[in-house]
Amino acid sequence: MSWSPDGRFLAGGLEIGALCLWDPYTGIEKQRWSLKFDDFMMQEFATIAGAQFVGDRLIFRILEGTVEVYDLDTNFKKQFTRGPNDKISRCPRGEMACSSDFKILIVPDVDRTLRFWTL
């Protein structure tokens, strides 16, 4: 779970492959993003592994390693994922980090490398 920088919202993942944005003071769900996979086997990995606000963007990581970035102002989404031929033998561990200027996202992956993504 993660608080928005202004403290107005709380974001968190659900085991059903959804990320929710709540107003914690009223209990009202403001927005929900649901993950969809064409391959039913991938649905097992559809759990949200972490969420983090970075400036006006909400970044979350799916258990299998994919990272999605939502711009809350424009509702524009970016997705950072492995290539179609990359195999997943286990789920990545470790926290995501962002550069102080919010331009670079650093994500540890299962092959013991750090992935650097331009936001």
N, C-alpha and C. Protein backbone atom coordinates (compact mmCIF):
# COMPACT_ATOMS: atom_id res chain seq x y z
N MET A 1 0.84 -1.19 0.00
CA MET A 1 0.00 0.00 0.00
C MET A 1 0.88 1.24 0.00
N SER A 2 0.32 2.32 -0.51
CA SER A 2 1.08 3.55 -0.60
C SER A 2 0.13 4.75 -0.48
N TRP A 3 0.57 5.75 0.27
CA TRP A 3 -0.18 7.01 0.38
C TRP A 3 0.21 7.93 -0.76
N SER A 4 -0.75 8.68 -1.27
CA SER A 4 -0.45 9.70 -2.28
C SER A 4 0.37 10.81 -1.62
N PRO A 5 1.18 11.54 -2.38
CA PRO A 5 2.02 12.59 -1.79
C PRO A 5 1.24 13.65 -1.02
N ASP A 6 0.01 13.93 -1.44
CA ASP A 6 -0.80 14.94 -0.73
C ASP A 6 -1.61 14.33 0.42
N GLY A 7 -1.50 13.02 0.62
CA GLY A 7 -2.18 12.36 1.73
C GLY A 7 -3.68 12.17 1.53
N ARG A 8 -4.19 12.42 0.33
CA ARG A 8 -5.63 12.31 0.08
C ARG A 8 -6.07 10.90 -0.29
N PHE A 9 -5.16 10.09 -0.84
CA PHE A 9 -5.55 8.78 -1.34
C PHE A 9 -4.60 7.69 -0.85
N LEU A 10 -5.12 6.49 -0.85
CA LEU A 10 -4.36 5.30 -0.50
C LEU A 10 -4.51 4.32 -1.65
N ALA A 11 -3.39 3.78 -2.14
CA ALA A 11 -3.42 2.80 -3.22
C ALA A 11 -2.96 1.46 -2.69
N GLY A 12 -3.59 0.40 -3.17
CA GLY A 12 -3.18 -0.92 -2.74
C GLY A 12 -3.66 -1.98 -3.71
N GLY A 13 -2.96 -3.10 -3.71
CA GLY A 13 -3.28 -4.20 -4.61
C GLY A 13 -4.14 -5.24 -3.94
N LEU A 14 -4.90 -5.92 -4.76
CA LEU A 14 -5.74 -7.02 -4.30
C LEU A 14 -5.24 -8.31 -4.94
N GLU A 15 -5.51 -9.44 -4.31
CA GLU A 15 -5.05 -10.72 -4.84
C GLU A 15 -5.75 -11.11 -6.12
N ILE A 16 -6.81 -10.43 -6.48
CA ILE A 16 -7.55 -10.76 -7.70
C ILE A 16 -6.98 -10.04 -8.91
N GLY A 17 -5.79 -9.46 -8.78
CA GLY A 17 -5.16 -8.78 -9.91
C GLY A 17 -5.72 -7.40 -10.15
N ALA A 18 -6.04 -6.69 -9.10
CA ALA A 18 -6.57 -5.34 -9.24
C ALA A 18 -5.80 -4.39 -8.33
N LEU A 19 -5.72 -3.17 -8.76
CA LEU A 19 -5.12 -2.10 -7.96
C LEU A 19 -6.22 -1.08 -7.71
N CYS A 20 -6.38 -0.69 -6.45
CA CYS A 20 -7.45 0.24 -6.09
C CYS A 20 -6.89 1.51 -5.51
N LEU A 21 -7.62 2.59 -5.75
CA LEU A 21 -7.30 3.90 -5.19
C LEU A 21 -8.49 4.29 -4.33
N TRP A 22 -8.25 4.48 -3.03
CA TRP A 22 -9.32 4.78 -2.08
C TRP A 22 -9.14 6.15 -1.46
N ASP A 23 -10.27 6.72 -1.06
CA ASP A 23 -10.25 7.86 -0.15
C ASP A 23 -10.37 7.25 1.24
N PRO A 24 -9.28 7.21 2.02
CA PRO A 24 -9.33 6.51 3.30
C PRO A 24 -10.19 7.20 4.34
N TYR A 25 -10.54 8.45 4.12
CA TYR A 25 -11.33 9.20 5.09
C TYR A 25 -12.83 8.93 4.93
N THR A 26 -13.25 8.55 3.72
CA THR A 26 -14.66 8.23 3.48
C THR A 26 -14.87 6.74 3.21
N GLY A 27 -13.79 6.04 2.86
CA GLY A 27 -13.89 4.62 2.52
C GLY A 27 -14.36 4.38 1.09
N ILE A 28 -14.46 5.44 0.30
CA ILE A 28 -14.95 5.32 -1.07
C ILE A 28 -13.81 4.93 -2.01
N GLU A 29 -14.07 3.93 -2.83
CA GLU A 29 -13.11 3.53 -3.87
C GLU A 29 -13.21 4.53 -5.01
N LYS A 30 -12.10 5.19 -5.33
CA LYS A 30 -12.09 6.22 -6.36
C LYS A 30 -11.82 5.65 -7.75
N GLN A 31 -10.96 4.64 -7.81
CA GLN A 31 -10.61 4.06 -9.11
C GLN A 31 -10.09 2.64 -8.89
N ARG A 32 -10.30 1.79 -9.92
CA ARG A 32 -9.80 0.42 -9.87
C ARG A 32 -9.26 0.06 -11.25
N TRP A 33 -8.06 -0.51 -11.26
CA TRP A 33 -7.47 -1.03 -12.48
C TRP A 33 -7.41 -2.54 -12.33
N SER A 34 -7.89 -3.27 -13.30
CA SER A 34 -7.87 -4.73 -13.27
C SER A 34 -6.91 -5.24 -14.33
N LEU A 35 -6.11 -6.21 -13.94
CA LEU A 35 -5.15 -6.82 -14.85
C LEU A 35 -5.83 -7.93 -15.63
N LYS A 36 -5.50 -8.01 -16.90
CA LYS A 36 -6.08 -9.05 -17.74
C LYS A 36 -4.95 -9.73 -18.50
N PHE A 37 -4.95 -11.04 -18.49
CA PHE A 37 -3.98 -11.83 -19.22
C PHE A 37 -4.71 -12.73 -20.20
N ASP A 38 -4.21 -12.81 -21.43
CA ASP A 38 -4.80 -13.71 -22.41
C ASP A 38 -4.56 -15.17 -22.06
N ASP A 39 -3.41 -15.44 -21.45
CA ASP A 39 -3.03 -16.80 -21.06
C ASP A 39 -3.54 -17.05 -19.63
N PHE A 40 -4.46 -17.99 -19.46
CA PHE A 40 -5.04 -18.22 -18.13
C PHE A 40 -3.99 -18.65 -17.11
N MET A 41 -2.89 -19.26 -17.55
CA MET A 41 -1.82 -19.65 -16.62
C MET A 41 -1.16 -18.43 -15.98
N MET A 42 -1.10 -17.33 -16.73
CA MET A 42 -0.50 -16.11 -16.19
C MET A 42 -1.37 -15.47 -15.11
N GLN A 43 -2.64 -15.81 -15.07
CA GLN A 43 -3.52 -15.24 -14.06
C GLN A 43 -3.03 -15.56 -12.65
N GLU A 44 -2.31 -16.69 -12.50
CA GLU A 44 -1.73 -17.05 -11.20
C GLU A 44 -0.76 -15.98 -10.70
N PHE A 45 -0.14 -15.26 -11.62
CA PHE A 45 0.84 -14.25 -11.26
C PHE A 45 0.25 -12.84 -11.24
N ALA A 46 -1.07 -12.72 -11.30
CA ALA A 46 -1.72 -11.42 -11.43
C ALA A 46 -1.87 -10.67 -10.11
N THR A 47 -1.19 -11.10 -9.08
CA THR A 47 -1.23 -10.41 -7.80
C THR A 47 -0.34 -9.17 -7.84
N ILE A 48 -0.80 -8.10 -7.24
CA ILE A 48 -0.01 -6.88 -7.13
C ILE A 48 1.06 -7.09 -6.06
N ALA A 49 2.32 -6.92 -6.43
CA ALA A 49 3.43 -7.16 -5.51
C ALA A 49 3.89 -5.89 -4.81
N GLY A 50 3.52 -4.74 -5.31
CA GLY A 50 3.91 -3.48 -4.67
C GLY A 50 3.33 -2.29 -5.40
N ALA A 51 3.06 -1.23 -4.66
CA ALA A 51 2.52 0.01 -5.24
C ALA A 51 3.27 1.17 -4.61
N GLN A 52 3.46 2.22 -5.41
CA GLN A 52 4.21 3.37 -4.92
C GLN A 52 3.82 4.61 -5.72
N PHE A 53 3.55 5.70 -5.02
CA PHE A 53 3.31 6.97 -5.69
C PHE A 53 4.65 7.64 -5.95
N VAL A 54 4.83 8.15 -7.15
CA VAL A 54 6.03 8.90 -7.52
C VAL A 54 5.53 10.16 -8.23
N GLY A 55 5.57 11.28 -7.53
CA GLY A 55 5.03 12.50 -8.09
C GLY A 55 3.54 12.32 -8.37
N ASP A 56 3.11 12.63 -9.59
CA ASP A 56 1.70 12.48 -9.95
C ASP A 56 1.41 11.14 -10.63
N ARG A 57 2.33 10.20 -10.47
CA ARG A 57 2.17 8.88 -11.06
C ARG A 57 2.06 7.80 -9.99
N LEU A 58 1.33 6.76 -10.32
CA LEU A 58 1.20 5.59 -9.45
C LEU A 58 1.88 4.43 -10.15
N ILE A 59 2.87 3.87 -9.50
CA ILE A 59 3.64 2.77 -10.07
C ILE A 59 3.31 1.50 -9.30
N PHE A 60 3.03 0.43 -10.03
CA PHE A 60 2.82 -0.83 -9.33
C PHE A 60 3.47 -1.97 -10.08
N ARG A 61 3.81 -2.97 -9.31
CA ARG A 61 4.51 -4.14 -9.83
C ARG A 61 3.63 -5.36 -9.66
N ILE A 62 3.55 -6.14 -10.73
CA ILE A 62 2.79 -7.39 -10.70
C ILE A 62 3.76 -8.49 -10.26
N LEU A 63 3.25 -9.50 -9.59
CA LEU A 63 4.08 -10.56 -9.01
C LEU A 63 5.06 -11.16 -10.00
N GLU A 64 4.70 -11.29 -11.29
CA GLU A 64 5.59 -11.90 -12.27
C GLU A 64 6.69 -10.95 -12.74
N GLY A 65 6.65 -9.68 -12.31
CA GLY A 65 7.73 -8.76 -12.63
C GLY A 65 7.36 -7.57 -13.49
N THR A 66 6.23 -7.60 -14.16
CA THR A 66 5.81 -6.47 -14.98
C THR A 66 5.56 -5.26 -14.08
N VAL A 67 5.96 -4.08 -14.57
CA VAL A 67 5.73 -2.83 -13.85
C VAL A 67 4.85 -1.95 -14.72
N GLU A 68 3.81 -1.38 -14.11
CA GLU A 68 2.93 -0.46 -14.82
C GLU A 68 2.95 0.88 -14.13
N VAL A 69 2.93 1.95 -14.94
CA VAL A 69 2.99 3.31 -14.43
C VAL A 69 1.77 4.06 -14.96
N TYR A 70 0.95 4.57 -14.04
CA TYR A 70 -0.23 5.35 -14.42
C TYR A 70 0.00 6.81 -14.06
N ASP A 71 -0.24 7.68 -15.02
CA ASP A 71 -0.24 9.12 -14.76
C ASP A 71 -1.67 9.46 -14.33
N LEU A 72 -1.85 9.87 -13.09
CA LEU A 72 -3.19 10.10 -12.57
C LEU A 72 -3.86 11.31 -13.20
N ASP A 73 -3.08 12.27 -13.70
CA ASP A 73 -3.67 13.46 -14.33
C ASP A 73 -4.19 13.15 -15.73
N THR A 74 -3.43 12.38 -16.51
CA THR A 74 -3.81 12.12 -17.90
C THR A 74 -4.43 10.74 -18.11
N ASN A 75 -4.34 9.87 -17.09
CA ASN A 75 -4.79 8.48 -17.16
C ASN A 75 -4.03 7.70 -18.25
N PHE A 76 -2.81 8.15 -18.53
CA PHE A 76 -1.93 7.48 -19.49
C PHE A 76 -1.16 6.39 -18.76
N LYS A 77 -1.01 5.22 -19.40
CA LYS A 77 -0.32 4.09 -18.78
C LYS A 77 0.89 3.69 -19.60
N LYS A 78 1.99 3.40 -18.90
CA LYS A 78 3.17 2.78 -19.51
C LYS A 78 3.34 1.42 -18.86
N GLN A 79 3.83 0.47 -19.64
CA GLN A 79 4.09 -0.86 -19.10
C GLN A 79 5.51 -1.27 -19.44
N PHE A 80 6.22 -1.76 -18.43
CA PHE A 80 7.58 -2.27 -18.60
C PHE A 80 7.55 -3.75 -18.27
N THR A 81 7.94 -4.57 -19.25
CA THR A 81 7.85 -6.01 -19.05
C THR A 81 8.97 -6.73 -19.78
N ARG A 82 9.08 -8.01 -19.55
CA ARG A 82 10.07 -8.83 -20.26
C ARG A 82 9.63 -9.02 -21.71
N GLY A 83 10.55 -9.50 -22.51
CA GLY A 83 10.24 -9.83 -23.90
C GLY A 83 9.38 -11.08 -23.99
N PRO A 84 8.77 -11.34 -25.14
CA PRO A 84 7.87 -12.48 -25.29
C PRO A 84 8.56 -13.84 -25.16
N ASN A 85 9.87 -13.90 -25.37
CA ASN A 85 10.58 -15.18 -25.27
C ASN A 85 11.27 -15.39 -23.92
N ASP A 86 11.20 -14.40 -23.03
CA ASP A 86 11.81 -14.54 -21.71
C ASP A 86 10.98 -15.48 -20.85
N LYS A 87 11.64 -16.38 -20.18
CA LYS A 87 10.97 -17.35 -19.32
C LYS A 87 10.93 -16.83 -17.89
N ILE A 88 9.87 -17.19 -17.18
CA ILE A 88 9.73 -16.82 -15.78
C ILE A 88 9.84 -18.10 -14.96
N SER A 89 10.91 -18.24 -14.19
CA SER A 89 11.07 -19.43 -13.37
C SER A 89 10.73 -19.15 -11.91
N ARG A 90 10.77 -17.88 -11.54
CA ARG A 90 10.39 -17.48 -10.18
C ARG A 90 10.05 -16.00 -10.21
N CYS A 91 9.46 -15.54 -9.14
CA CYS A 91 9.03 -14.15 -9.09
C CYS A 91 10.13 -13.27 -8.51
N PRO A 92 10.29 -12.05 -9.04
CA PRO A 92 11.33 -11.15 -8.55
C PRO A 92 11.06 -10.68 -7.13
N ARG A 93 12.12 -10.38 -6.42
CA ARG A 93 12.03 -9.85 -5.06
C ARG A 93 12.79 -8.54 -5.02
N GLY A 94 12.47 -7.71 -4.08
CA GLY A 94 13.16 -6.44 -3.92
C GLY A 94 12.26 -5.27 -4.24
N GLU A 95 12.60 -4.13 -3.69
CA GLU A 95 11.79 -2.93 -3.85
C GLU A 95 12.18 -2.15 -5.09
N MET A 96 11.21 -1.50 -5.69
CA MET A 96 11.46 -0.57 -6.78
C MET A 96 12.01 0.72 -6.18
N ALA A 97 12.77 1.46 -6.97
CA ALA A 97 13.28 2.76 -6.52
C ALA A 97 13.17 3.73 -7.69
N CYS A 98 13.06 5.00 -7.36
CA CYS A 98 12.94 6.03 -8.38
C CYS A 98 13.99 7.09 -8.12
N SER A 99 14.55 7.65 -9.20
CA SER A 99 15.54 8.72 -9.05
C SER A 99 14.86 9.95 -8.45
N SER A 100 15.64 10.82 -7.85
CA SER A 100 15.09 11.99 -7.16
C SER A 100 14.37 12.95 -8.09
N ASP A 101 14.69 12.92 -9.38
CA ASP A 101 14.00 13.80 -10.34
C ASP A 101 12.80 13.10 -11.00
N PHE A 102 12.44 11.89 -10.54
CA PHE A 102 11.30 11.11 -11.02
C PHE A 102 11.40 10.74 -12.49
N LYS A 103 12.61 10.63 -13.02
CA LYS A 103 12.78 10.32 -14.45
C LYS A 103 13.21 8.89 -14.71
N ILE A 104 13.81 8.23 -13.72
CA ILE A 104 14.31 6.86 -13.89
C ILE A 104 13.70 5.96 -12.81
N LEU A 105 13.17 4.83 -13.23
CA LEU A 105 12.66 3.82 -12.32
C LEU A 105 13.64 2.65 -12.34
N ILE A 106 14.03 2.16 -11.17
CA ILE A 106 14.98 1.06 -11.06
C ILE A 106 14.24 -0.12 -10.42
N VAL A 107 14.28 -1.26 -11.13
CA VAL A 107 13.53 -2.43 -10.70
C VAL A 107 14.45 -3.65 -10.68
N PRO A 108 14.61 -4.33 -9.52
CA PRO A 108 15.39 -5.58 -9.50
C PRO A 108 14.58 -6.70 -10.15
N ASP A 109 15.29 -7.59 -10.87
CA ASP A 109 14.61 -8.68 -11.55
C ASP A 109 15.22 -10.01 -11.11
N VAL A 110 14.57 -11.13 -11.49
CA VAL A 110 14.98 -12.46 -11.03
C VAL A 110 16.33 -12.90 -11.58
N ASP A 111 16.78 -12.30 -12.66
CA ASP A 111 18.08 -12.70 -13.22
C ASP A 111 19.24 -11.94 -12.58
N ARG A 112 18.98 -11.34 -11.42
CA ARG A 112 19.98 -10.62 -10.61
C ARG A 112 20.49 -9.36 -11.30
N THR A 113 19.66 -8.78 -12.13
CA THR A 113 20.02 -7.50 -12.75
C THR A 113 19.05 -6.44 -12.29
N LEU A 114 19.50 -5.19 -12.42
CA LEU A 114 18.62 -4.06 -12.16
C LEU A 114 18.17 -3.53 -13.51
N ARG A 115 16.88 -3.37 -13.67
CA ARG A 115 16.33 -2.80 -14.90
C ARG A 115 16.12 -1.30 -14.66
N PHE A 116 16.63 -0.49 -15.58
CA PHE A 116 16.48 0.96 -15.51
C PHE A 116 15.47 1.37 -16.59
N TRP A 117 14.34 1.95 -16.18
CA TRP A 117 13.28 2.35 -17.09
C TRP A 117 13.13 3.86 -17.06
N THR A 118 13.00 4.47 -18.22
CA THR A 118 12.80 5.91 -18.32
C THR A 118 11.32 6.21 -18.15
N LEU A 119 11.02 7.06 -17.17
CA LEU A 119 9.63 7.44 -16.95
C LEU A 119 9.30 8.63 -17.81
